[in-house]
Amino acid sequence: MRMLQVIALAPLLFASGCADGETTQRQAEVAEAGSMVMPFDLDRSTHIFEKTDFGGIQVVASDDGDVEQLRLIRDHLAEEAERFSQGDFHDPAMIHGDDMAGMHALVMGHDRITITYRDVDRGGEIRWESEDLDLIQAIHDWFDAQVSDHGEHAQAHR
């Protein structure tokens, strides 16, 4: 099961001028789809997306430190990082749709992105690194979409 990708389409909604009610509806739909893909409790976790000069850092942290929640987050992120590194973005597409900002470029350019996982305090981290400026922009676009779609369950840095 994959849940981290429940965070991706909302910047597109903002760009197209959706009203707050429509954005809230989109976030509810994404959260529901995410609950079928991500094995951990979305309401007890926070997705953090930090854009960097090399790409970005994606973290999911357990809000309450529950041992089982922490295990589920870490297992999920480790599996997702492995799939992303092979160009498999099926889970995010299930949650956000095939037209998620940045996703096509990430799929097509996955072999020029180094994607690694590691455990961090209270969760897990996926690091996205590339020297290709277009792919770095795609990572940033994908992060923006995730933050918008996750609403209160996500936060951006930088």
Protein backbone atom coordinates (compact mmCIF):
# COMPACT_ATOMS: atom_id res chain seq x y z
CA MET A 1 0.00 0.00 0.00
CA ARG A 2 1.20 3.50 -0.80
CA MET A 3 0.02 6.66 0.93
CA LEU A 4 2.70 9.25 0.74
CA GLN A 5 1.54 10.35 -2.65
CA VAL A 6 -1.76 11.63 -1.43
CA ILE A 7 -0.18 15.06 -1.43
CA ALA A 8 0.11 16.12 -5.07
CA LEU A 9 -2.53 17.91 -7.19
CA ALA A 10 -3.70 20.97 -5.30
CA PRO A 11 -1.30 23.51 -6.79
CA LEU A 12 -3.03 22.79 -10.07
CA LEU A 13 -6.32 23.64 -8.41
CA PHE A 14 -4.97 26.94 -7.15
CA ALA A 15 -3.47 27.72 -10.55
CA SER A 16 -6.82 27.15 -12.19
CA GLY A 17 -8.55 29.46 -9.73
CA CYS A 18 -10.60 26.96 -7.75
CA ALA A 19 -12.57 28.38 -4.87
CA ASP A 20 -11.68 27.39 -1.30
CA GLY A 21 -14.68 25.05 -1.13
CA GLU A 22 -13.49 23.22 -4.22
CA THR A 23 -9.98 22.96 -2.79
CA THR A 24 -11.35 21.58 0.46
CA GLN A 25 -13.40 19.04 -1.50
CA ARG A 26 -10.30 18.05 -3.49
CA GLN A 27 -8.30 17.59 -0.27
CA ALA A 28 -11.05 15.38 1.18
CA GLU A 29 -11.09 13.26 -1.98
CA VAL A 30 -7.30 12.93 -1.94
CA ALA A 31 -7.31 12.00 1.76
CA GLU A 32 -9.90 9.29 1.10
CA ALA A 33 -7.92 7.89 -1.85
CA GLY A 34 -4.74 8.11 0.20
CA SER A 35 -6.25 6.04 3.00
CA MET A 36 -6.52 3.20 0.50
CA VAL A 37 -2.89 3.56 -0.61
CA MET A 38 -1.02 4.66 2.52
CA PRO A 39 -1.05 2.16 5.37
CA PHE A 40 -0.59 4.71 8.18
CA ASP A 41 -3.11 7.13 9.69
CA LEU A 42 -3.05 10.39 7.73
CA ASP A 43 -4.68 12.24 10.64
CA ARG A 44 -1.82 11.19 12.94
CA SER A 45 1.02 12.15 10.62
CA THR A 46 2.49 15.18 8.88
CA HIS A 47 3.96 15.28 5.39
CA ILE A 48 6.80 17.78 5.04
CA PHE A 49 8.18 18.87 1.67
CA GLU A 50 11.39 20.86 1.52
CA LYS A 51 12.55 22.16 -1.84
CA THR A 52 16.33 22.25 -2.20
CA ASP A 53 18.82 23.35 -4.84
CA PHE A 54 19.43 19.65 -5.65
CA GLY A 55 15.77 18.60 -5.67
CA GLY A 56 14.03 18.07 -2.37
CA ILE A 57 13.47 16.23 0.86
CA GLN A 58 10.15 14.55 1.60
CA VAL A 59 9.44 13.55 5.20
CA VAL A 60 6.48 11.86 6.83
CA ALA A 61 6.47 12.14 10.61
CA SER A 62 4.28 10.48 13.20
CA ASP A 63 2.51 13.15 15.24
CA ASP A 64 2.07 11.00 18.32
CA GLY A 65 5.15 8.74 18.26
CA ASP A 66 3.08 5.54 18.19
CA VAL A 67 5.44 2.63 17.47
CA GLU A 68 3.12 0.89 14.99
CA GLN A 69 2.36 4.15 13.17
CA LEU A 70 6.11 4.84 12.95
CA ARG A 71 6.77 1.37 11.51
CA LEU A 72 4.02 1.78 8.93
CA ILE A 73 5.37 5.18 7.84
CA ARG A 74 8.94 3.92 7.53
CA ASP A 75 8.02 0.73 5.67
CA HIS A 76 5.81 2.67 3.27
CA LEU A 77 8.37 5.37 2.51
CA ALA A 78 11.16 2.84 2.00
CA GLU A 79 8.99 0.93 -0.51
CA GLU A 80 7.95 4.15 -2.26
CA ALA A 81 11.55 5.34 -2.60
CA GLU A 82 12.48 2.03 -4.22
CA ARG A 83 9.55 2.24 -6.63
CA PHE A 84 10.19 5.89 -7.48
CA SER A 85 13.83 5.11 -8.25
CA GLN A 86 12.55 2.61 -10.85
CA GLY A 87 10.12 5.12 -12.36
CA ASP A 88 7.05 3.57 -10.70
CA PHE A 89 4.66 6.34 -9.65
CA HIS A 90 1.54 4.17 -9.68
CA ASP A 91 0.58 4.97 -6.09
CA PRO A 92 0.65 8.78 -6.47
CA ALA A 93 -1.32 8.42 -9.71
CA MET A 94 -3.98 6.39 -7.87
CA ILE A 95 -4.35 9.18 -5.35
CA HIS A 96 -3.82 12.33 -7.42
CA GLY A 97 -4.48 11.24 -10.99
CA ASP A 98 -2.15 10.76 -13.93
CA ASP A 99 -1.83 14.49 -14.63
CA MET A 100 -0.26 15.45 -11.30
CA ALA A 101 2.17 18.37 -11.65
CA GLY A 102 5.73 17.17 -12.31
CA MET A 103 4.92 13.46 -12.32
CA HIS A 104 5.37 12.80 -16.04
CA ALA A 105 8.84 14.39 -15.98
CA LEU A 106 9.77 12.34 -12.89
CA VAL A 107 8.65 9.10 -14.51
CA MET A 108 10.50 9.86 -17.73
CA GLY A 109 13.64 11.13 -15.98
CA HIS A 110 13.81 8.77 -13.01
CA ASP A 111 17.19 7.44 -14.18
CA ARG A 112 18.64 10.94 -13.75
CA ILE A 113 17.34 11.33 -10.19
CA THR A 114 18.95 9.75 -7.14
CA ILE A 115 16.15 8.78 -4.77
CA THR A 116 17.14 7.48 -1.34
CA TYR A 117 15.34 6.58 1.86
CA ARG A 118 16.42 6.81 5.50
CA ASP A 119 14.79 6.64 8.91
CA VAL A 120 14.56 9.96 10.76
CA ASP A 121 13.25 10.89 14.20
CA ARG A 122 9.52 10.14 14.31
CA GLY A 123 9.35 9.02 10.67
CA GLY A 124 11.08 8.53 7.36
CA GLU A 125 12.67 10.64 4.66
CA ILE A 126 12.94 10.37 0.89
CA ARG A 127 15.70 12.48 -0.62
CA TRP A 128 15.41 13.50 -4.28
CA GLU A 129 18.65 14.63 -5.97
CA SER A 130 19.40 15.58 -9.56
CA GLU A 131 21.75 17.76 -11.54
CA ASP A 132 19.13 18.26 -14.28
CA LEU A 133 17.48 21.66 -13.74
CA ASP A 134 14.28 20.56 -15.48
CA LEU A 135 13.98 17.56 -13.15
CA ILE A 136 14.68 19.72 -10.11
CA GLN A 137 11.82 21.97 -11.23
CA ALA A 138 9.60 18.89 -11.72
CA ILE A 139 10.40 17.77 -8.16
CA HIS A 140 9.49 21.25 -6.88
CA ASP A 141 6.25 21.24 -8.88
CA TRP A 142 5.41 17.77 -7.57
CA PHE A 143 6.09 18.90 -3.99
CA ASP A 144 3.84 21.97 -4.44
CA ALA A 145 1.06 19.75 -5.74
CA GLN A 146 1.46 17.40 -2.78
CA VAL A 147 1.31 20.22 -0.24
CA SER A 148 -1.83 21.62 -1.83
CA ASP A 149 -3.58 18.26 -2.00
CA HIS A 150 -2.72 17.29 1.57
CA GLY A 151 -3.98 20.54 3.07
CA GLU A 152 -3.69 20.47 6.85
CA HIS A 153 -1.75 17.19 6.72
CA ALA A 154 1.21 18.76 4.92
CA GLN A 155 3.63 21.63 5.15
CA ALA A 156 6.20 23.15 2.85
CA HIS A 157 9.63 24.43 3.73
CA ARG A 158 11.66 27.02 1.80
